[in-house]
Amino acid sequence: MIELTLSPWSFHHMNATELIKKFLNDRLDSVPSNLPPETLLVDLGVDSLMLAELMFEAEDELGIEIDSDVKPPKTMGEMVSLIDDYLARKKD
């Protein structure tokens, strides 16, 4: 019998868009398959609490630390850019 488990290592290879889509699919009833960068997070049902949870999940899953005074993203594109910026800093 083969048992498959996801190690923390596998999450570090997830990109920002995949993480956001997984987060939204886990929490919202209906998430469009195509989420262009200009999609407003509020239009998807993301409130301020859920946005904070998303940022905490990004920190945990990707091993980054988002500054507490960062301007909250309003769109998918802004959220992806925010996470990607912190991932790039981590690699430096």
Foldseek 3Di string as FASTA:
>chain_A
DDDDDDDLVVLLPDAQLRLVVVLLVVPADDDDPDFDQAAFPVVSVQDPVSQVVSQVVLCSSNVFDQDPPDDRDGTNNRSRVSSVVRSVVVVD
